[in-house]
């Protein structure tokens, strides 16, 4: 991050805590910065940021989480997305129910952001006015009648083929501007 970006991250972090971000503080930051109000979605995002799994987020983890979301490599984004989508159950398998729940909530959260920031907010162009229908249709198009959970490897392949599954969980973070070259490289329009 640039010095200015780090200052903005630190200011956001210090706005709610001087030490470690507890879950409730992180939820405030996410609601303020992203506009997401759904508690489960904010809990899953907290889990993705809490890399050490100790129940709070250090400033380093906070910066690493933002860095992954905004400028992460493909493997980093896949791991981040797995942590957001995996709600419960076997830590090595992801149920389609969890995928539907998080996708639906992320699309609804993106719609909240778009209502306040305009249609350009977020990295996905998927119709978000009807998140339940959009989530169901997308997952049916990808999986058909499949009922079995996904392994991390299966999940990675699916996400690489259907970028919408990641873009909807990385909407309008206004704290750090998205690097346009990185976005173009991730979209396959140029090489990093």
Protein backbone atom coordinates (compact mmCIF):
# COMPACT_ATOMS: atom_id res chain seq x y z
CA UNK A 1 0.00 0.00 0.00
CA UNK A 2 1.04 3.58 -0.48
CA UNK A 3 1.66 5.79 2.56
CA UNK A 4 -1.70 7.52 1.97
CA UNK A 5 -3.52 4.18 1.76
CA UNK A 6 -1.89 2.96 4.97
CA UNK A 7 -2.87 6.19 6.71
CA UNK A 8 -6.49 5.68 5.61
CA UNK A 9 -6.43 2.06 6.80
CA UNK A 10 -4.95 3.09 10.15
CA UNK A 11 -7.51 5.87 10.55
CA UNK A 12 -10.36 3.45 9.90
CA UNK A 13 -8.86 0.90 12.29
CA UNK A 14 -8.19 3.48 15.03
CA UNK A 15 -11.69 4.90 14.63
CA UNK A 16 -13.02 1.85 16.53
CA UNK A 17 -10.03 0.51 18.50
CA UNK A 18 -6.51 1.32 19.60
CA UNK A 19 -5.41 -2.31 19.86
CA UNK A 20 -7.13 -5.30 18.24
CA UNK A 21 -10.43 -5.31 16.36
CA UNK A 22 -12.99 -7.41 18.17
CA UNK A 23 -15.77 -8.86 16.01
CA UNK A 24 -18.27 -6.13 16.93
CA UNK A 25 -15.76 -3.41 16.03
CA UNK A 26 -15.00 -5.12 12.72
CA UNK A 27 -18.73 -5.30 11.95
CA UNK A 28 -18.89 -1.51 12.45
CA UNK A 29 -16.01 -0.98 10.04
CA UNK A 30 -17.58 -3.26 7.42
CA UNK A 31 -20.94 -1.54 7.73
CA UNK A 32 -19.34 1.91 7.54
CA UNK A 33 -16.90 1.12 4.72
CA UNK A 34 -18.92 -1.37 2.70
CA UNK A 35 -22.51 -0.66 3.62
CA UNK A 36 -23.17 -4.31 4.54
CA UNK A 37 -25.66 -4.69 7.38
CA UNK A 38 -26.25 -8.47 7.35
CA UNK A 39 -24.68 -10.02 10.45
CA UNK A 40 -23.86 -13.44 8.94
CA UNK A 41 -22.08 -11.84 5.99
CA UNK A 42 -20.06 -9.60 8.32
CA UNK A 43 -19.22 -12.63 10.51
CA UNK A 44 -17.94 -14.54 7.49
CA UNK A 45 -15.85 -11.59 6.38
CA UNK A 46 -14.45 -11.35 9.92
CA UNK A 47 -13.52 -15.04 9.73
CA UNK A 48 -11.72 -14.41 6.42
CA UNK A 49 -9.71 -11.53 7.96
CA UNK A 50 -8.95 -13.35 11.23
CA UNK A 51 -6.11 -15.37 9.74
CA UNK A 52 -4.81 -16.68 13.05
CA UNK A 53 -8.30 -17.62 14.24
CA UNK A 54 -7.87 -16.02 17.67
CA UNK A 55 -11.15 -14.09 17.64
CA UNK A 56 -9.80 -10.61 16.93
CA UNK A 57 -8.00 -8.84 14.11
CA UNK A 58 -4.64 -7.17 14.43
CA UNK A 59 -3.74 -4.17 12.29
CA UNK A 60 -1.49 -6.46 10.24
CA UNK A 61 -4.36 -8.88 9.59
CA UNK A 62 -6.61 -5.91 8.75
CA UNK A 63 -4.12 -4.70 6.12
CA UNK A 64 -3.53 -8.22 4.78
CA UNK A 65 -7.29 -8.78 4.44
CA UNK A 66 -7.75 -5.56 2.51
CA UNK A 67 -4.69 -6.32 0.41
CA UNK A 68 -6.03 -9.75 -0.49
CA UNK A 69 -9.47 -8.41 -1.33
CA UNK A 70 -8.19 -5.61 -3.51
CA UNK A 71 -4.89 -6.81 -4.91
CA UNK A 72 -4.59 -10.46 -3.98
CA UNK A 73 -3.21 -13.13 -6.23
CA UNK A 74 -5.58 -15.74 -7.59
CA UNK A 75 -4.61 -18.34 -4.93
CA UNK A 76 -5.01 -15.71 -2.17
CA UNK A 77 -8.45 -14.70 -3.49
CA UNK A 78 -9.54 -18.34 -3.70
CA UNK A 79 -8.51 -18.99 -0.09
CA UNK A 80 -10.18 -15.76 1.03
CA UNK A 81 -13.40 -16.66 -0.82
CA UNK A 82 -13.35 -20.17 0.69
CA UNK A 83 -13.18 -18.68 4.19
CA UNK A 84 -16.09 -16.33 3.43
CA UNK A 85 -18.30 -19.01 1.85
CA UNK A 86 -17.59 -21.78 4.37
CA UNK A 87 -20.16 -21.26 7.13
CA UNK A 88 -20.30 -24.61 8.93
CA UNK A 89 -19.54 -28.30 8.76
CA UNK A 90 -16.49 -30.21 7.61
CA UNK A 91 -13.66 -27.65 7.17
CA UNK A 92 -12.54 -29.44 3.99
CA UNK A 93 -15.95 -29.40 2.29
CA UNK A 94 -18.28 -26.58 1.27
CA UNK A 95 -21.99 -27.25 1.08
CA UNK A 96 -24.03 -25.78 -1.75
CA UNK A 97 -26.42 -24.50 0.93
CA UNK A 98 -23.59 -22.39 2.40
CA UNK A 99 -22.69 -21.18 -1.09
CA UNK A 100 -26.28 -20.17 -1.80
CA UNK A 101 -26.67 -18.42 1.56
CA UNK A 102 -23.49 -16.35 1.23
CA UNK A 103 -24.03 -15.60 -2.47
CA UNK A 104 -27.60 -14.44 -1.77
CA UNK A 105 -26.48 -12.26 1.15
CA UNK A 106 -23.54 -10.84 -0.83
CA UNK A 107 -25.80 -9.92 -3.75
CA UNK A 108 -28.26 -8.32 -1.31
CA UNK A 109 -25.36 -6.45 0.32
CA UNK A 110 -24.18 -5.29 -3.08
CA UNK A 111 -27.68 -4.01 -3.79
CA UNK A 112 -27.53 -2.04 -0.51
CA UNK A 113 -24.22 -0.53 -1.60
CA UNK A 114 -25.58 0.31 -5.05
CA UNK A 115 -28.57 2.09 -3.55
CA UNK A 116 -26.23 4.41 -1.67
CA UNK A 117 -23.27 4.66 -4.09
CA UNK A 118 -24.86 4.12 -7.48
CA UNK A 119 -24.75 1.27 -9.98
CA UNK A 120 -20.98 1.49 -10.47
CA UNK A 121 -20.26 0.20 -6.96
CA UNK A 122 -18.84 -3.28 -6.69
CA UNK A 123 -16.97 -5.53 -9.04
CA UNK A 124 -19.95 -7.45 -10.40
CA UNK A 125 -22.57 -6.50 -12.95
CA UNK A 126 -25.00 -9.26 -11.93
CA UNK A 127 -28.60 -8.15 -11.38
CA UNK A 128 -28.86 -7.60 -7.63
CA UNK A 129 -32.41 -6.33 -7.16
CA UNK A 130 -33.58 -9.93 -6.67
CA UNK A 131 -30.69 -11.62 -4.84
CA UNK A 132 -32.54 -14.86 -4.02
CA UNK A 133 -33.43 -15.45 -7.66
CA UNK A 134 -30.02 -14.36 -8.97
CA UNK A 135 -28.16 -16.62 -6.51
CA UNK A 136 -30.39 -19.61 -7.26
CA UNK A 137 -30.11 -19.14 -11.04
CA UNK A 138 -26.34 -18.76 -10.96
CA UNK A 139 -25.81 -21.85 -8.80
CA UNK A 140 -28.27 -23.89 -10.87
CA UNK A 141 -26.42 -22.85 -14.04
CA UNK A 142 -23.10 -23.90 -12.51
CA UNK A 143 -24.09 -27.06 -10.63
CA UNK A 144 -27.37 -28.27 -12.11
CA UNK A 145 -28.75 -30.99 -9.82
CA UNK A 146 -25.57 -31.52 -7.82
CA UNK A 147 -26.15 -31.93 -4.10
CA UNK A 148 -22.71 -33.06 -2.91
CA UNK A 149 -20.38 -30.59 -1.15
CA UNK A 150 -17.32 -29.13 -2.85
CA UNK A 151 -13.71 -29.70 -1.93
CA UNK A 152 -11.37 -26.67 -1.92
CA UNK A 153 -9.99 -27.84 -5.25
CA UNK A 154 -13.49 -28.13 -6.79
CA UNK A 155 -14.39 -24.74 -5.34
CA UNK A 156 -11.26 -23.19 -6.85
CA UNK A 157 -12.07 -24.56 -10.30
CA UNK A 158 -15.64 -23.30 -10.10
CA UNK A 159 -14.59 -19.83 -8.97
CA UNK A 160 -11.99 -19.58 -11.74
CA UNK A 161 -14.72 -20.36 -14.27
CA UNK A 162 -17.33 -18.12 -12.62
CA UNK A 163 -15.64 -15.00 -11.28
CA UNK A 164 -19.01 -13.63 -10.13
CA UNK A 165 -18.72 -15.86 -7.06
CA UNK A 166 -15.76 -13.79 -5.88
CA UNK A 167 -16.67 -10.37 -7.26
CA UNK A 168 -19.91 -10.23 -5.28
CA UNK A 169 -18.09 -10.66 -1.95
CA UNK A 170 -15.65 -7.85 -2.82
CA UNK A 171 -17.98 -4.93 -3.51
CA UNK A 172 -17.42 -1.29 -2.67
CA UNK A 173 -14.44 -1.01 -0.36
CA UNK A 174 -13.88 2.72 -0.67
CA UNK A 175 -11.03 2.77 1.83
CA UNK A 176 -8.39 1.73 -0.74
CA UNK A 177 -8.91 2.55 -4.41
CA UNK A 178 -8.81 -0.52 -6.65
CA UNK A 179 -5.72 -0.71 -8.81
CA UNK A 180 -7.10 -0.60 -12.40
CA UNK A 181 -4.13 -2.51 -13.81
CA UNK A 182 -4.65 -5.32 -11.30
CA UNK A 183 -8.37 -5.46 -12.13
CA UNK A 184 -7.57 -5.63 -15.86
CA UNK A 185 -4.97 -8.35 -15.29
CA UNK A 186 -7.39 -10.39 -13.20
CA UNK A 187 -9.99 -10.03 -15.97
CA UNK A 188 -7.45 -11.35 -18.46
CA UNK A 189 -7.22 -8.08 -20.37
CA UNK A 190 -3.51 -7.61 -19.78
CA UNK A 191 -0.60 -9.20 -17.95
CA UNK A 192 0.53 -7.94 -14.53
